[in-house]
N, C-alpha and C. Protein backbone atom coordinates (compact mmCIF):
# COMPACT_ATOMS: atom_id res chain seq x y z
N MET A 1 10.44 -19.63 9.76
CA MET A 1 10.16 -19.71 11.17
C MET A 1 10.35 -21.17 11.62
N LYS A 2 11.11 -21.34 12.69
CA LYS A 2 11.38 -22.68 13.22
C LYS A 2 11.14 -22.70 14.73
N LYS A 3 10.72 -23.84 15.22
CA LYS A 3 10.54 -24.01 16.66
C LYS A 3 11.91 -24.13 17.32
N LEU A 4 12.01 -23.58 18.52
CA LEU A 4 13.24 -23.70 19.31
C LEU A 4 13.37 -25.14 19.83
N PRO A 5 14.59 -25.58 20.15
CA PRO A 5 14.79 -26.97 20.58
C PRO A 5 13.91 -27.41 21.75
N ASN A 6 13.68 -26.56 22.71
CA ASN A 6 12.88 -26.93 23.89
C ASN A 6 11.48 -26.33 23.83
N TRP A 7 10.92 -26.24 22.63
CA TRP A 7 9.66 -25.53 22.42
C TRP A 7 8.50 -26.12 23.21
N GLU A 8 8.44 -27.43 23.38
CA GLU A 8 7.29 -28.03 24.06
C GLU A 8 7.20 -27.60 25.52
N SER A 9 8.32 -27.60 26.22
CA SER A 9 8.29 -27.14 27.62
C SER A 9 7.99 -25.65 27.68
N MET A 10 8.47 -24.88 26.69
CA MET A 10 8.18 -23.44 26.64
C MET A 10 6.70 -23.20 26.38
N PHE A 11 6.09 -24.00 25.53
CA PHE A 11 4.66 -23.90 25.24
C PHE A 11 3.86 -24.10 26.53
N HIS A 12 4.12 -25.19 27.22
CA HIS A 12 3.36 -25.52 28.43
C HIS A 12 3.63 -24.53 29.56
N SER A 13 4.84 -24.04 29.65
CA SER A 13 5.18 -23.02 30.65
C SER A 13 4.41 -21.73 30.37
N PHE A 14 4.32 -21.36 29.11
CA PHE A 14 3.56 -20.16 28.75
C PHE A 14 2.11 -20.29 29.20
N ILE A 15 1.49 -21.42 28.89
CA ILE A 15 0.09 -21.63 29.25
C ILE A 15 -0.09 -21.59 30.77
N GLU A 16 0.81 -22.21 31.47
CA GLU A 16 0.73 -22.25 32.93
C GLU A 16 0.87 -20.86 33.55
N ASN A 17 1.69 -20.02 32.95
CA ASN A 17 2.02 -18.72 33.54
C ASN A 17 1.29 -17.53 32.91
N ASN A 18 0.42 -17.76 31.95
CA ASN A 18 -0.25 -16.65 31.26
C ASN A 18 -1.75 -16.86 31.14
N ASN A 19 -2.36 -17.22 32.23
CA ASN A 19 -3.81 -17.41 32.26
C ASN A 19 -4.48 -16.06 32.51
N LEU A 20 -4.42 -15.20 31.49
CA LEU A 20 -4.92 -13.84 31.60
C LEU A 20 -6.28 -13.70 30.93
N PRO A 21 -7.10 -12.76 31.38
CA PRO A 21 -8.41 -12.58 30.76
C PRO A 21 -8.30 -11.99 29.35
N PHE A 22 -9.32 -12.22 28.57
CA PHE A 22 -9.41 -11.66 27.22
C PHE A 22 -9.35 -10.13 27.31
N GLU A 23 -8.56 -9.52 26.42
CA GLU A 23 -8.52 -8.06 26.30
C GLU A 23 -8.08 -7.72 24.87
N TRP A 24 -8.93 -6.97 24.17
CA TRP A 24 -8.62 -6.58 22.79
C TRP A 24 -7.27 -5.90 22.71
N GLY A 25 -6.45 -6.33 21.74
CA GLY A 25 -5.15 -5.72 21.50
C GLY A 25 -4.06 -6.12 22.46
N LYS A 26 -4.39 -6.85 23.51
CA LYS A 26 -3.39 -7.31 24.47
C LYS A 26 -3.43 -8.82 24.65
N ASN A 27 -4.63 -9.36 24.82
CA ASN A 27 -4.77 -10.80 25.02
C ASN A 27 -6.06 -11.29 24.35
N ASP A 28 -6.20 -10.94 23.07
CA ASP A 28 -7.31 -11.47 22.28
C ASP A 28 -6.81 -12.74 21.60
N CYS A 29 -7.63 -13.37 20.78
CA CYS A 29 -7.23 -14.66 20.20
C CYS A 29 -5.97 -14.54 19.34
N CYS A 30 -5.82 -13.44 18.61
CA CYS A 30 -4.63 -13.28 17.75
C CYS A 30 -3.38 -12.99 18.56
N LYS A 31 -3.49 -12.08 19.54
CA LYS A 31 -2.33 -11.72 20.36
C LYS A 31 -1.88 -12.90 21.22
N PHE A 32 -2.83 -13.66 21.74
CA PHE A 32 -2.53 -14.85 22.55
C PHE A 32 -1.77 -15.88 21.72
N SER A 33 -2.29 -16.18 20.53
CA SER A 33 -1.63 -17.16 19.66
C SER A 33 -0.25 -16.68 19.25
N ASN A 34 -0.14 -15.40 18.92
CA ASN A 34 1.15 -14.84 18.54
C ASN A 34 2.14 -14.92 19.70
N ALA A 35 1.68 -14.66 20.92
CA ALA A 35 2.57 -14.72 22.09
C ALA A 35 3.12 -16.13 22.29
N ILE A 36 2.28 -17.14 22.09
CA ILE A 36 2.75 -18.52 22.19
C ILE A 36 3.77 -18.80 21.09
N ILE A 37 3.46 -18.38 19.87
CA ILE A 37 4.39 -18.61 18.75
C ILE A 37 5.71 -17.92 19.02
N LYS A 38 5.67 -16.70 19.54
CA LYS A 38 6.92 -16.00 19.86
C LYS A 38 7.70 -16.77 20.95
N GLN A 39 6.99 -17.30 21.91
CA GLN A 39 7.63 -18.07 22.99
C GLN A 39 8.35 -19.30 22.44
N ILE A 40 7.73 -20.00 21.48
CA ILE A 40 8.30 -21.27 21.02
C ILE A 40 9.22 -21.13 19.80
N THR A 41 9.24 -19.92 19.17
CA THR A 41 10.11 -19.71 18.01
C THR A 41 11.07 -18.54 18.18
N GLY A 42 10.73 -17.60 19.06
CA GLY A 42 11.50 -16.38 19.19
C GLY A 42 11.10 -15.31 18.18
N GLU A 43 10.07 -15.59 17.37
CA GLU A 43 9.64 -14.67 16.32
C GLU A 43 8.15 -14.37 16.42
N ASN A 44 7.77 -13.17 15.99
CA ASN A 44 6.36 -12.78 15.91
C ASN A 44 5.77 -13.26 14.60
N LEU A 45 4.54 -13.71 14.65
CA LEU A 45 3.81 -14.04 13.43
C LEU A 45 3.06 -12.79 12.93
N ILE A 46 2.54 -12.00 13.85
CA ILE A 46 1.81 -10.78 13.48
C ILE A 46 2.81 -9.70 13.08
N PRO A 47 2.65 -9.12 11.89
CA PRO A 47 3.54 -8.03 11.48
C PRO A 47 3.45 -6.84 12.45
N LYS A 48 4.56 -6.20 12.71
CA LYS A 48 4.60 -5.07 13.64
C LYS A 48 3.69 -3.92 13.21
N THR A 49 3.38 -3.83 11.92
CA THR A 49 2.53 -2.76 11.41
C THR A 49 1.06 -2.94 11.77
N LEU A 50 0.66 -4.15 12.15
CA LEU A 50 -0.73 -4.41 12.53
C LEU A 50 -0.93 -4.10 14.00
N LYS A 51 -1.80 -3.14 14.26
CA LYS A 51 -2.06 -2.75 15.65
C LYS A 51 -3.56 -2.53 15.83
N TRP A 52 -4.06 -2.84 17.02
CA TRP A 52 -5.45 -2.60 17.38
C TRP A 52 -5.56 -2.53 18.89
N HIS A 53 -6.64 -1.92 19.37
CA HIS A 53 -6.81 -1.75 20.81
C HIS A 53 -8.24 -2.05 21.29
N ASP A 54 -9.14 -2.25 20.37
CA ASP A 54 -10.52 -2.60 20.72
C ASP A 54 -11.11 -3.40 19.56
N GLU A 55 -12.36 -3.84 19.73
CA GLU A 55 -12.97 -4.68 18.70
C GLU A 55 -13.06 -3.96 17.36
N GLU A 56 -13.43 -2.69 17.38
CA GLU A 56 -13.58 -1.94 16.13
C GLU A 56 -12.25 -1.82 15.38
N SER A 57 -11.18 -1.47 16.09
CA SER A 57 -9.88 -1.34 15.42
C SER A 57 -9.33 -2.71 15.01
N ALA A 58 -9.69 -3.76 15.74
CA ALA A 58 -9.27 -5.13 15.35
C ALA A 58 -9.93 -5.54 14.04
N MET A 59 -11.24 -5.28 13.93
CA MET A 59 -11.96 -5.64 12.70
C MET A 59 -11.43 -4.82 11.52
N LYS A 60 -11.09 -3.57 11.76
CA LYS A 60 -10.54 -2.72 10.71
C LYS A 60 -9.17 -3.24 10.26
N ALA A 61 -8.32 -3.61 11.21
CA ALA A 61 -6.98 -4.14 10.89
C ALA A 61 -7.09 -5.43 10.09
N ILE A 62 -8.00 -6.30 10.49
CA ILE A 62 -8.22 -7.57 9.77
C ILE A 62 -8.69 -7.29 8.35
N LYS A 63 -9.67 -6.42 8.22
CA LYS A 63 -10.23 -6.11 6.90
C LYS A 63 -9.17 -5.52 5.98
N GLU A 64 -8.36 -4.60 6.49
CA GLU A 64 -7.33 -3.96 5.67
C GLU A 64 -6.18 -4.91 5.33
N PHE A 65 -5.86 -5.84 6.22
CA PHE A 65 -4.73 -6.73 6.02
C PHE A 65 -5.06 -7.90 5.09
N GLY A 66 -6.18 -8.56 5.35
CA GLY A 66 -6.50 -9.76 4.56
C GLY A 66 -7.96 -9.90 4.17
N GLY A 67 -8.79 -9.01 4.64
CA GLY A 67 -10.21 -9.07 4.32
C GLY A 67 -11.03 -9.77 5.38
N THR A 68 -10.60 -10.98 5.76
CA THR A 68 -11.25 -11.77 6.82
C THR A 68 -10.17 -12.29 7.76
N LEU A 69 -10.59 -12.76 8.92
CA LEU A 69 -9.62 -13.35 9.85
C LEU A 69 -8.92 -14.54 9.19
N GLU A 70 -9.69 -15.40 8.54
CA GLU A 70 -9.11 -16.59 7.91
C GLU A 70 -8.07 -16.21 6.85
N LYS A 71 -8.41 -15.26 5.99
CA LYS A 71 -7.46 -14.83 4.93
C LYS A 71 -6.25 -14.13 5.53
N SER A 72 -6.44 -13.38 6.62
CA SER A 72 -5.33 -12.71 7.28
C SER A 72 -4.37 -13.73 7.90
N ILE A 73 -4.92 -14.75 8.55
CA ILE A 73 -4.08 -15.80 9.14
C ILE A 73 -3.37 -16.57 8.04
N GLU A 74 -4.09 -16.90 6.97
CA GLU A 74 -3.47 -17.60 5.84
C GLU A 74 -2.29 -16.78 5.30
N LYS A 75 -2.48 -15.48 5.15
CA LYS A 75 -1.43 -14.61 4.61
C LYS A 75 -0.18 -14.60 5.50
N VAL A 76 -0.35 -14.43 6.82
CA VAL A 76 0.84 -14.41 7.69
C VAL A 76 1.50 -15.78 7.76
N CYS A 77 0.71 -16.83 7.66
CA CYS A 77 1.30 -18.18 7.68
C CYS A 77 2.14 -18.42 6.43
N ILE A 78 1.62 -18.04 5.28
CA ILE A 78 2.39 -18.19 4.03
C ILE A 78 3.65 -17.33 4.10
N ASP A 79 3.51 -16.09 4.55
CA ASP A 79 4.66 -15.17 4.64
C ASP A 79 5.76 -15.68 5.58
N ASN A 80 5.37 -16.49 6.57
CA ASN A 80 6.33 -16.98 7.55
C ASN A 80 6.69 -18.46 7.40
N GLY A 81 6.25 -19.07 6.32
CA GLY A 81 6.64 -20.44 6.02
C GLY A 81 5.94 -21.51 6.83
N LEU A 82 4.77 -21.21 7.40
CA LEU A 82 4.02 -22.24 8.09
C LEU A 82 3.30 -23.09 7.05
N GLU A 83 3.24 -24.36 7.32
CA GLU A 83 2.64 -25.32 6.39
C GLU A 83 1.22 -25.64 6.82
N GLU A 84 0.27 -25.51 5.89
CA GLU A 84 -1.09 -25.91 6.21
C GLU A 84 -1.15 -27.44 6.21
N ILE A 85 -1.80 -27.98 7.24
CA ILE A 85 -1.94 -29.43 7.36
C ILE A 85 -3.41 -29.79 7.48
N ASP A 86 -3.72 -31.05 7.23
CA ASP A 86 -5.07 -31.55 7.43
C ASP A 86 -5.37 -31.51 8.92
N LYS A 87 -6.55 -31.04 9.28
CA LYS A 87 -6.88 -30.88 10.70
C LYS A 87 -6.87 -32.19 11.49
N VAL A 88 -7.00 -33.31 10.83
CA VAL A 88 -6.96 -34.58 11.57
C VAL A 88 -5.56 -34.87 12.13
N TYR A 89 -4.55 -34.18 11.62
CA TYR A 89 -3.17 -34.39 12.08
C TYR A 89 -2.70 -33.32 13.06
N MET A 90 -3.57 -32.41 13.47
CA MET A 90 -3.12 -31.32 14.33
C MET A 90 -2.69 -31.85 15.69
N THR A 91 -1.67 -31.17 16.22
CA THR A 91 -1.11 -31.56 17.50
C THR A 91 -0.57 -30.31 18.21
N CYS A 92 0.04 -30.51 19.34
CA CYS A 92 0.55 -29.40 20.14
C CYS A 92 1.45 -28.48 19.30
N GLY A 93 1.21 -27.18 19.41
CA GLY A 93 2.02 -26.19 18.71
C GLY A 93 1.48 -25.76 17.37
N ASP A 94 0.34 -26.32 16.96
CA ASP A 94 -0.26 -25.95 15.68
C ASP A 94 -1.23 -24.77 15.87
N LEU A 95 -1.23 -23.88 14.90
CA LEU A 95 -2.12 -22.71 14.87
C LEU A 95 -3.40 -23.10 14.15
N CYS A 96 -4.56 -22.73 14.71
CA CYS A 96 -5.83 -23.16 14.16
C CYS A 96 -6.80 -21.99 13.98
N ILE A 97 -7.55 -22.05 12.90
CA ILE A 97 -8.76 -21.25 12.75
C ILE A 97 -9.88 -22.20 13.14
N TYR A 98 -10.76 -21.76 14.02
CA TYR A 98 -11.84 -22.64 14.46
C TYR A 98 -13.13 -21.86 14.65
N LYS A 99 -14.21 -22.59 14.72
CA LYS A 99 -15.52 -22.02 15.00
C LYS A 99 -15.87 -22.44 16.42
N GLN A 100 -16.06 -21.46 17.28
CA GLN A 100 -16.37 -21.73 18.68
C GLN A 100 -17.73 -22.43 18.79
N VAL A 101 -17.79 -23.44 19.62
CA VAL A 101 -19.02 -24.22 19.80
C VAL A 101 -20.15 -23.27 20.21
N GLY A 102 -21.26 -23.35 19.45
CA GLY A 102 -22.43 -22.54 19.76
C GLY A 102 -22.39 -21.12 19.22
N LYS A 103 -21.34 -20.76 18.48
CA LYS A 103 -21.22 -19.40 17.93
C LYS A 103 -20.91 -19.48 16.45
N GLU A 104 -21.14 -18.39 15.75
CA GLU A 104 -20.93 -18.36 14.31
C GLU A 104 -19.56 -17.82 13.90
N SER A 105 -18.96 -16.98 14.74
CA SER A 105 -17.71 -16.33 14.34
C SER A 105 -16.52 -17.28 14.38
N GLU A 106 -15.56 -16.98 13.52
CA GLU A 106 -14.31 -17.75 13.50
C GLU A 106 -13.29 -17.05 14.39
N LEU A 107 -12.47 -17.86 15.05
CA LEU A 107 -11.42 -17.37 15.93
C LEU A 107 -10.13 -18.11 15.61
N VAL A 108 -9.05 -17.66 16.22
CA VAL A 108 -7.77 -18.33 16.05
C VAL A 108 -7.30 -18.80 17.43
N GLY A 109 -6.62 -19.93 17.46
CA GLY A 109 -6.12 -20.47 18.71
C GLY A 109 -4.95 -21.40 18.46
N MET A 110 -4.41 -21.91 19.54
CA MET A 110 -3.27 -22.83 19.47
C MET A 110 -3.66 -24.17 20.05
N CYS A 111 -3.30 -25.23 19.34
CA CYS A 111 -3.59 -26.58 19.81
C CYS A 111 -2.55 -26.98 20.86
N ASN A 112 -3.03 -27.58 21.94
CA ASN A 112 -2.13 -28.11 22.96
C ASN A 112 -2.03 -29.62 22.89
N GLY A 113 -2.60 -30.19 21.83
CA GLY A 113 -2.60 -31.64 21.65
C GLY A 113 -3.93 -32.26 22.03
N PHE A 114 -4.66 -31.59 22.92
CA PHE A 114 -5.94 -32.12 23.39
C PHE A 114 -7.11 -31.23 23.02
N GLY A 115 -6.83 -29.96 22.73
CA GLY A 115 -7.87 -29.00 22.38
C GLY A 115 -7.24 -27.74 21.82
N ILE A 116 -8.09 -26.78 21.48
CA ILE A 116 -7.65 -25.50 20.94
C ILE A 116 -7.78 -24.46 22.03
N LEU A 117 -6.68 -23.80 22.34
CA LEU A 117 -6.63 -22.83 23.43
C LEU A 117 -6.79 -21.40 22.91
N THR A 118 -7.56 -20.61 23.64
CA THR A 118 -7.75 -19.20 23.32
C THR A 118 -8.23 -18.49 24.58
N PRO A 119 -7.91 -17.20 24.74
CA PRO A 119 -8.37 -16.50 25.94
C PRO A 119 -9.87 -16.22 25.89
N GLN A 120 -10.48 -16.27 27.06
CA GLN A 120 -11.91 -15.96 27.16
C GLN A 120 -12.19 -15.46 28.56
N ASP A 121 -12.89 -14.35 28.66
CA ASP A 121 -13.27 -13.77 29.94
C ASP A 121 -12.10 -13.77 30.92
N GLN A 122 -12.13 -14.63 31.92
CA GLN A 122 -11.11 -14.62 32.96
C GLN A 122 -10.13 -15.79 32.90
N THR A 123 -10.15 -16.57 31.82
CA THR A 123 -9.32 -17.76 31.78
C THR A 123 -8.99 -18.15 30.34
N ILE A 124 -8.28 -19.25 30.19
CA ILE A 124 -8.01 -19.82 28.88
C ILE A 124 -9.11 -20.82 28.57
N ASN A 125 -9.75 -20.64 27.43
CA ASN A 125 -10.82 -21.52 26.99
C ASN A 125 -10.21 -22.67 26.18
N VAL A 126 -10.80 -23.84 26.29
CA VAL A 126 -10.37 -24.99 25.50
C VAL A 126 -11.55 -25.45 24.65
N GLU A 127 -11.37 -25.36 23.35
CA GLU A 127 -12.39 -25.82 22.40
C GLU A 127 -11.95 -27.19 21.87
N PRO A 128 -12.90 -28.03 21.48
CA PRO A 128 -12.52 -29.36 20.95
C PRO A 128 -11.78 -29.24 19.62
N ASN A 129 -10.84 -30.13 19.39
CA ASN A 129 -10.10 -30.15 18.12
C ASN A 129 -11.05 -30.26 16.93
N SER A 130 -12.19 -30.86 17.13
CA SER A 130 -13.15 -31.03 16.04
C SER A 130 -13.72 -29.71 15.54
N SER A 131 -13.54 -28.63 16.30
CA SER A 131 -14.05 -27.32 15.86
C SER A 131 -13.08 -26.62 14.90
N ALA A 132 -11.91 -27.22 14.66
CA ALA A 132 -10.92 -26.62 13.75
C ALA A 132 -11.45 -26.59 12.32
N ILE A 133 -11.17 -25.49 11.64
CA ILE A 133 -11.52 -25.33 10.23
C ILE A 133 -10.26 -25.48 9.38
N ARG A 134 -9.19 -24.79 9.79
CA ARG A 134 -7.90 -24.87 9.08
C ARG A 134 -6.79 -24.89 10.12
N VAL A 135 -5.67 -25.55 9.78
CA VAL A 135 -4.57 -25.72 10.73
C VAL A 135 -3.24 -25.52 10.01
N TRP A 136 -2.32 -24.80 10.68
CA TRP A 136 -0.96 -24.58 10.15
C TRP A 136 0.07 -25.05 11.17
N ARG A 137 1.16 -25.59 10.66
CA ARG A 137 2.25 -26.10 11.51
C ARG A 137 3.52 -25.31 11.24
N ILE A 138 4.19 -24.97 12.33
CA ILE A 138 5.51 -24.35 12.24
C ILE A 138 6.50 -25.46 11.95
N ASN A 139 7.23 -25.34 10.86
CA ASN A 139 8.19 -26.38 10.49
C ASN A 139 9.40 -26.35 11.41
N GLY A 140 9.88 -27.52 11.72
CA GLY A 140 11.10 -27.64 12.52
C GLY A 140 10.90 -27.47 13.98
């Protein structure tokens, strides 16, 4: 998987034009991150065989695919040639597993260089980069 030549403008255009509310199976943290990755690479990170439509089916898909969200993300990153990097070096276009401030669950999001983006309620939420647990970079 490689970034397209004009990936940075495509990344920012996506964010500007896709401020949609959270919805399981359409605009949850995994689908949102995958949509950005598809925008900047032309390829899906999530295998086509993984499908869900609500929280229950999402948890089932995660459990069957990798056991946990973190292991599932690690698996698709390895399968697609993304390189894990130290979180202190994360920048725009990097995929992150993070712990949302004030909550215990882990989520996935995309770094925009200043924070970690993920859908929430009626908007895109920005979490601090310091909440990142693991980070992967698309080569090229």
